[in-house]
Amino acid sequence: MGGEYPSGHEFNFFGNNATAAAYVVDTWPGRITFSGFEMGKDVYSGADLMVRGPEKDLVGAAYRWYKESWDPLTMLYAIEGLGDVFSIGNRGHNYVYPNGTNRWLPTDKKSGSHNYLKLNVSSSAAGAILDQLFMQGAVAATHSAQ
């Protein structure tokens, strides 16, 4: 996670050590797929879990303070890949400046080492998918603990 696409100034790059973030992104030898600020800022999830989920569910507890879905969307991609939810933005290179600002530099090569995710579904549909997965996990965990 980090950045905003095609360009921006987002906390995960500028927050704690912008120079280190810039160095890692700009010199990483392998491929990187970025999940940007714009993807999760309008995807809300967790309400169903808070209302109908088990009282002691840890994910539900976390949602009392945090409702945007940057982290859950990134985890969904890490676990399930692109599926029907995501697509890849333009391949290229994500250049991160020492102040944490990033700028996407598209390339005409299909072998660009960086890419970023885009939603293929609406924000509300993405939130509903996450809610369904949260509820399934919470119910399964509750039943296995009994």
C-alpha atoms as a PDB file:
ATOM      1  CA  MET A   1       0.000   0.000   0.000  1.00  0.00           C
ATOM      2  CA  GLY A   2       1.150   3.476  -0.638  1.00  0.00           C
ATOM      3  CA  GLY A   3       0.884   6.420  -2.942  1.00  0.00           C
ATOM      4  CA  GLU A   4      -1.930   7.765  -5.045  1.00  0.00           C
ATOM      5  CA  TYR A   5      -2.272   7.155  -8.774  1.00  0.00           C
ATOM      6  CA  PRO A   6      -1.314   8.566 -11.123  1.00  0.00           C
ATOM      7  CA  SER A   7       0.294  10.948  -8.620  1.00  0.00           C
ATOM      8  CA  GLY A   8      -0.164  12.169  -5.085  1.00  0.00           C
ATOM      9  CA  HIS A   9       1.159  12.765  -1.601  1.00  0.00           C
ATOM     10  CA  GLU A  10      -0.047   9.945   0.642  1.00  0.00           C
ATOM     11  CA  PHE A  11       0.787   9.103   4.273  1.00  0.00           C
ATOM     12  CA  ASN A  12       2.345   5.666   3.724  1.00  0.00           C
ATOM     13  CA  PHE A  13       5.093   7.330   1.690  1.00  0.00           C
ATOM     14  CA  PHE A  14       5.556  10.616   3.567  1.00  0.00           C
ATOM     15  CA  GLY A  15       4.462   9.687   7.112  1.00  0.00           C
ATOM     16  CA  ASN A  16       7.369   8.251   9.072  1.00  0.00           C
ATOM     17  CA  ASN A  17      10.430   8.299   6.853  1.00  0.00           C
ATOM     18  CA  ALA A  18       9.783   9.603   3.360  1.00  0.00           C
ATOM     19  CA  THR A  19      13.421   9.302   2.316  1.00  0.00           C
ATOM     20  CA  ALA A  20      13.514   5.606   3.236  1.00  0.00           C
ATOM     21  CA  ALA A  21      10.187   4.953   1.473  1.00  0.00           C
ATOM     22  CA  ALA A  22      11.507   6.676  -1.657  1.00  0.00           C
ATOM     23  CA  TYR A  23      14.717   4.659  -1.554  1.00  0.00           C
ATOM     24  CA  VAL A  24      12.942   1.308  -1.184  1.00  0.00           C
ATOM     25  CA  VAL A  25      10.392   1.961  -3.936  1.00  0.00           C
ATOM     26  CA  ASP A  26      12.917   3.459  -6.337  1.00  0.00           C
ATOM     27  CA  THR A  27      15.563   0.731  -5.912  1.00  0.00           C
ATOM     28  CA  TRP A  28      13.559  -2.449  -5.217  1.00  0.00           C
ATOM     29  CA  PRO A  29      14.890  -5.117  -7.601  1.00  0.00           C
ATOM     30  CA  GLY A  30      11.624  -7.017  -8.104  1.00  0.00           C
ATOM     31  CA  ARG A  31       8.055  -6.316  -9.081  1.00  0.00           C
ATOM     32  CA  ILE A  32       5.781  -4.233  -6.863  1.00  0.00           C
ATOM     33  CA  THR A  33       2.006  -3.889  -7.068  1.00  0.00           C
ATOM     34  CA  PHE A  34       0.730  -0.753  -5.339  1.00  0.00           C
ATOM     35  CA  SER A  35      -2.645  -0.299  -3.717  1.00  0.00           C
ATOM     36  CA  GLY A  36      -3.209   3.451  -3.678  1.00  0.00           C
ATOM     37  CA  PHE A  37      -5.133   5.864  -1.507  1.00  0.00           C
ATOM     38  CA  GLU A  38      -7.746   6.466  -4.205  1.00  0.00           C
ATOM     39  CA  MET A  39      -8.771   2.815  -4.260  1.00  0.00           C
ATOM     40  CA  GLY A  40      -9.860   2.478  -0.625  1.00  0.00           C
ATOM     41  CA  LYS A  41     -10.943   5.986   0.336  1.00  0.00           C
ATOM     42  CA  ASP A  42     -14.559   5.507  -0.779  1.00  0.00           C
ATOM     43  CA  VAL A  43     -14.894   1.802   0.050  1.00  0.00           C
ATOM     44  CA  TYR A  44     -16.542   1.403   3.430  1.00  0.00           C
ATOM     45  CA  SER A  45     -16.866  -1.954   5.088  1.00  0.00           C
ATOM     46  CA  GLY A  46     -17.428  -3.466   8.499  1.00  0.00           C
ATOM     47  CA  ALA A  47     -20.856  -2.040   9.357  1.00  0.00           C
ATOM     48  CA  ASP A  48     -22.590  -5.393   8.923  1.00  0.00           C
ATOM     49  CA  LEU A  49     -19.975  -7.072  11.093  1.00  0.00           C
ATOM     50  CA  MET A  50     -20.436  -4.471  13.824  1.00  0.00           C
ATOM     51  CA  VAL A  51     -24.226  -4.872  13.797  1.00  0.00           C
ATOM     52  CA  ARG A  52     -24.695  -8.613  13.224  1.00  0.00           C
ATOM     53  CA  GLY A  53     -21.285 -10.107  13.989  1.00  0.00           C
ATOM     54  CA  PRO A  54     -20.127 -11.819  17.160  1.00  0.00           C
ATOM     55  CA  GLU A  55     -19.686  -9.415  20.055  1.00  0.00           C
ATOM     56  CA  LYS A  56     -16.045 -10.316  20.724  1.00  0.00           C
ATOM     57  CA  ASP A  57     -14.855 -10.426  17.106  1.00  0.00           C
ATOM     58  CA  LEU A  58     -11.502  -8.622  16.801  1.00  0.00           C
ATOM     59  CA  VAL A  59     -12.119  -7.378  13.264  1.00  0.00           C
ATOM     60  CA  GLY A  60     -15.455  -5.943  14.373  1.00  0.00           C
ATOM     61  CA  ALA A  61     -13.710  -4.252  17.299  1.00  0.00           C
ATOM     62  CA  ALA A  62     -11.203  -2.640  14.938  1.00  0.00           C
ATOM     63  CA  TYR A  63     -14.043  -1.195  12.873  1.00  0.00           C
ATOM     64  CA  ARG A  64     -15.242   0.892  15.793  1.00  0.00           C
ATOM     65  CA  TRP A  65     -12.382   3.264  14.903  1.00  0.00           C
ATOM     66  CA  TYR A  66     -11.578   2.596  11.278  1.00  0.00           C
ATOM     67  CA  LYS A  67     -14.036   2.154   8.413  1.00  0.00           C
ATOM     68  CA  GLU A  68     -12.199   2.890   5.171  1.00  0.00           C
ATOM     69  CA  SER A  69     -10.937  -0.195   3.418  1.00  0.00           C
ATOM     70  CA  TRP A  70      -7.357   0.373   2.290  1.00  0.00           C
ATOM     71  CA  ASP A  71      -5.946  -2.530   4.309  1.00  0.00           C
ATOM     72  CA  PRO A  72      -8.779  -5.009   3.648  1.00  0.00           C
ATOM     73  CA  LEU A  73      -8.649  -4.361  -0.114  1.00  0.00           C
ATOM     74  CA  THR A  74      -4.902  -4.940  -0.133  1.00  0.00           C
ATOM     75  CA  MET A  75      -5.365  -8.190   1.783  1.00  0.00           C
ATOM     76  CA  LEU A  76      -8.119  -9.285  -0.603  1.00  0.00           C
ATOM     77  CA  TYR A  77      -5.733  -8.803  -3.530  1.00  0.00           C
ATOM     78  CA  ALA A  78      -2.890 -10.580  -1.698  1.00  0.00           C
ATOM     79  CA  ILE A  79      -5.094 -13.599  -0.988  1.00  0.00           C
ATOM     80  CA  GLU A  80      -7.248 -13.856  -4.112  1.00  0.00           C
ATOM     81  CA  GLY A  81      -5.331 -11.991  -6.813  1.00  0.00           C
ATOM     82  CA  LEU A  82      -7.097  -9.832  -9.371  1.00  0.00           C
ATOM     83  CA  GLY A  83     -10.280 -11.915  -9.630  1.00  0.00           C
ATOM     84  CA  ASP A  84     -13.290  -9.880 -10.714  1.00  0.00           C
ATOM     85  CA  VAL A  85     -12.614  -7.104  -8.196  1.00  0.00           C
ATOM     86  CA  PHE A  86      -9.313  -5.652  -9.430  1.00  0.00           C
ATOM     87  CA  SER A  87      -7.457  -4.820 -12.591  1.00  0.00           C
ATOM     88  CA  ILE A  88      -3.946  -3.562 -13.166  1.00  0.00           C
ATOM     89  CA  GLY A  89      -3.404   0.083 -14.016  1.00  0.00           C
ATOM     90  CA  ASN A  90      -0.727   1.088 -16.484  1.00  0.00           C
ATOM     91  CA  ARG A  91       2.551  -0.734 -16.091  1.00  0.00           C
ATOM     92  CA  GLY A  92       5.466   1.525 -15.495  1.00  0.00           C
ATOM     93  CA  HIS A  93       7.472   2.919 -12.621  1.00  0.00           C
ATOM     94  CA  ASN A  94       6.260   4.577  -9.444  1.00  0.00           C
ATOM     95  CA  TYR A  95       8.781   7.316  -8.742  1.00  0.00           C
ATOM     96  CA  VAL A  96       8.728   8.444  -5.110  1.00  0.00           C
ATOM     97  CA  TYR A  97      10.399  11.746  -4.294  1.00  0.00           C
ATOM     98  CA  PRO A  98      12.334  12.199  -1.026  1.00  0.00           C
ATOM     99  CA  ASN A  99       9.384  14.194   0.412  1.00  0.00           C
ATOM    100  CA  GLY A 100       7.026  11.217  -0.122  1.00  0.00           C
ATOM    101  CA  THR A 101       5.207  12.570  -3.169  1.00  0.00           C
ATOM    102  CA  ASN A 102       4.817   9.957  -5.882  1.00  0.00           C
ATOM    103  CA  ARG A 103       4.381  10.165  -9.633  1.00  0.00           C
ATOM    104  CA  TRP A 104       3.526   7.346 -12.002  1.00  0.00           C
ATOM    105  CA  LEU A 105       5.830   7.113 -14.999  1.00  0.00           C
ATOM    106  CA  PRO A 106       4.138   4.930 -17.626  1.00  0.00           C
ATOM    107  CA  THR A 107       6.296   2.870 -19.931  1.00  0.00           C
ATOM    108  CA  ASP A 108       5.480   1.341 -23.259  1.00  0.00           C
ATOM    109  CA  LYS A 109       7.063  -1.905 -22.078  1.00  0.00           C
ATOM    110  CA  LYS A 110       4.779  -4.640 -20.840  1.00  0.00           C
ATOM    111  CA  SER A 111       7.580  -5.664 -18.509  1.00  0.00           C
ATOM    112  CA  GLY A 112       7.446  -2.568 -16.288  1.00  0.00           C
ATOM    113  CA  SER A 113       8.535  -3.499 -12.780  1.00  0.00           C
ATOM    114  CA  HIS A 114       5.706  -1.643 -11.033  1.00  0.00           C
ATOM    115  CA  ASN A 115       1.963  -1.617 -11.415  1.00  0.00           C
ATOM    116  CA  TYR A 116      -0.979  -0.361  -9.411  1.00  0.00           C
ATOM    117  CA  LEU A 117      -4.418  -1.740  -8.688  1.00  0.00           C
ATOM    118  CA  LYS A 118      -7.721  -0.350  -9.872  1.00  0.00           C
ATOM    119  CA  LEU A 119     -11.188  -1.415  -8.788  1.00  0.00           C
ATOM    120  CA  ASN A 120     -13.267  -3.215 -11.417  1.00  0.00           C
ATOM    121  CA  VAL A 121     -16.384  -2.907  -9.275  1.00  0.00           C
ATOM    122  CA  SER A 122     -18.108   0.029  -7.609  1.00  0.00           C
ATOM    123  CA  SER A 123     -16.989   1.172  -4.174  1.00  0.00           C
ATOM    124  CA  SER A 124     -20.229  -0.120  -2.647  1.00  0.00           C
ATOM    125  CA  ALA A 125     -19.819  -3.524  -4.339  1.00  0.00           C
ATOM    126  CA  ALA A 126     -16.235  -3.787  -3.049  1.00  0.00           C
ATOM    127  CA  GLY A 127     -17.458  -2.948   0.461  1.00  0.00           C
ATOM    128  CA  ALA A 128     -20.180  -5.604   0.209  1.00  0.00           C
ATOM    129  CA  ILE A 129     -17.622  -8.234  -0.857  1.00  0.00           C
ATOM    130  CA  LEU A 130     -15.438  -7.377   2.133  1.00  0.00           C
ATOM    131  CA  ASP A 131     -18.437  -7.414   4.483  1.00  0.00           C
ATOM    132  CA  GLN A 132     -19.430 -10.879   3.281  1.00  0.00           C
ATOM    133  CA  LEU A 133     -15.902 -12.203   3.853  1.00  0.00           C
ATOM    134  CA  PHE A 134     -15.659 -10.569   7.295  1.00  0.00           C
ATOM    135  CA  MET A 135     -18.959 -12.100   8.376  1.00  0.00           C
ATOM    136  CA  GLN A 136     -18.016 -15.557   7.067  1.00  0.00           C
ATOM    137  CA  GLY A 137     -14.750 -15.437   8.995  1.00  0.00           C
ATOM    138  CA  ALA A 138     -16.342 -14.183  12.197  1.00  0.00           C
ATOM    139  CA  VAL A 139     -19.097 -16.801  12.154  1.00  0.00           C
ATOM    140  CA  ALA A 140     -16.637 -19.604  11.354  1.00  0.00           C
ATOM    141  CA  ALA A 141     -14.307 -18.494  14.159  1.00  0.00           C
ATOM    142  CA  THR A 142     -17.197 -18.340  16.625  1.00  0.00           C
ATOM    143  CA  HIS A 143     -18.378 -21.846  15.733  1.00  0.00           C
ATOM    144  CA  SER A 144     -14.883 -23.335  15.922  1.00  0.00           C
ATOM    145  CA  ALA A 145     -14.326 -21.778  19.368  1.00  0.00           C
ATOM    146  CA  GLN A 146     -17.446 -23.422  20.799  1.00  0.00           C
END
